[in-house]
Amino acid sequence: MSDLNAIFTPGMQVRHPGQPDWGVGQVQSNIGGRITVNFPDQGKVVIDGNRITLVPVFDA
């Protein structure tokens, strides 16, 4: 898991760098590098933190 992905905790907002059309998602959990995010336009998605580095959103 990338060091940046390790900081994500439930409630934080993120974007998927390869899927900008999904919108800003809210982290539901981050367990063992598997990050569950609820995106408004995609629904609940489990991200493999070893393969994808999510982008934090602080101004949404």
Protein backbone atom coordinates (compact mmCIF):
# COMPACT_ATOMS: atom_id res chain seq x y z
CA MET A 1 0.00 0.00 0.00
CA SER A 2 1.31 3.44 -0.81
CA ASP A 3 2.18 5.65 2.14
CA LEU A 4 -0.52 8.11 1.11
CA ASN A 5 -3.23 5.45 1.14
CA ALA A 6 -2.27 4.56 4.72
CA ILE A 7 -3.58 7.92 5.97
CA PHE A 8 -7.16 7.37 4.81
CA THR A 9 -9.66 6.86 7.61
CA PRO A 10 -13.44 6.51 7.54
CA GLY A 11 -15.14 9.77 6.64
CA MET A 12 -12.28 11.20 4.57
CA GLN A 13 -13.07 12.27 1.03
CA VAL A 14 -11.10 11.00 -1.97
CA ARG A 15 -11.03 10.82 -5.74
CA HIS A 16 -10.04 7.83 -7.86
CA PRO A 17 -7.26 9.10 -10.18
CA GLY A 18 -8.34 6.88 -13.07
CA GLN A 19 -12.09 7.48 -12.73
CA PRO A 20 -12.75 11.22 -12.33
CA ASP A 21 -16.37 10.74 -13.45
CA TRP A 22 -17.06 8.82 -10.21
CA GLY A 23 -16.92 12.10 -8.28
CA VAL A 24 -15.72 12.59 -4.71
CA GLY A 25 -16.09 9.47 -2.59
CA GLN A 26 -16.17 8.93 1.14
CA VAL A 27 -13.86 6.35 2.72
CA GLN A 28 -15.84 3.69 4.56
CA SER A 29 -12.90 1.55 5.77
CA ASN A 30 -9.19 0.95 5.24
CA ILE A 31 -8.18 -2.54 6.32
CA GLY A 32 -5.00 -4.24 5.20
CA GLY A 33 -4.61 -2.06 2.14
CA ARG A 34 -8.18 -2.63 0.96
CA ILE A 35 -9.96 0.71 0.97
CA THR A 36 -13.74 0.73 0.68
CA VAL A 37 -15.06 3.99 -0.77
CA ASN A 38 -18.63 5.06 -1.44
CA PHE A 39 -18.73 7.13 -4.65
CA PRO A 40 -21.90 9.10 -5.50
CA ASP A 41 -21.90 8.06 -9.17
CA GLN A 42 -20.46 4.54 -8.82
CA GLY A 43 -21.56 3.25 -5.43
CA LYS A 44 -19.42 1.25 -3.03
CA VAL A 45 -16.04 0.24 -4.47
CA VAL A 46 -13.20 -1.70 -2.85
CA ILE A 47 -9.83 -0.28 -3.93
CA ASP A 48 -6.59 -2.28 -3.79
CA GLY A 49 -4.26 0.23 -2.15
CA ASN A 50 -1.25 -1.65 -3.51
CA ARG A 51 -2.28 -0.85 -7.08
CA ILE A 52 -4.08 2.50 -6.90
CA THR A 53 -3.16 5.61 -4.94
CA LEU A 54 -6.29 7.58 -4.15
CA VAL A 55 -6.24 11.38 -4.16
CA PRO A 56 -7.36 13.12 -0.94
CA VAL A 57 -9.95 15.88 -1.25
CA PHE A 58 -9.93 18.63 1.35
CA ASP A 59 -12.17 21.25 -0.25
CA ALA A 60 -15.28 19.36 -1.34
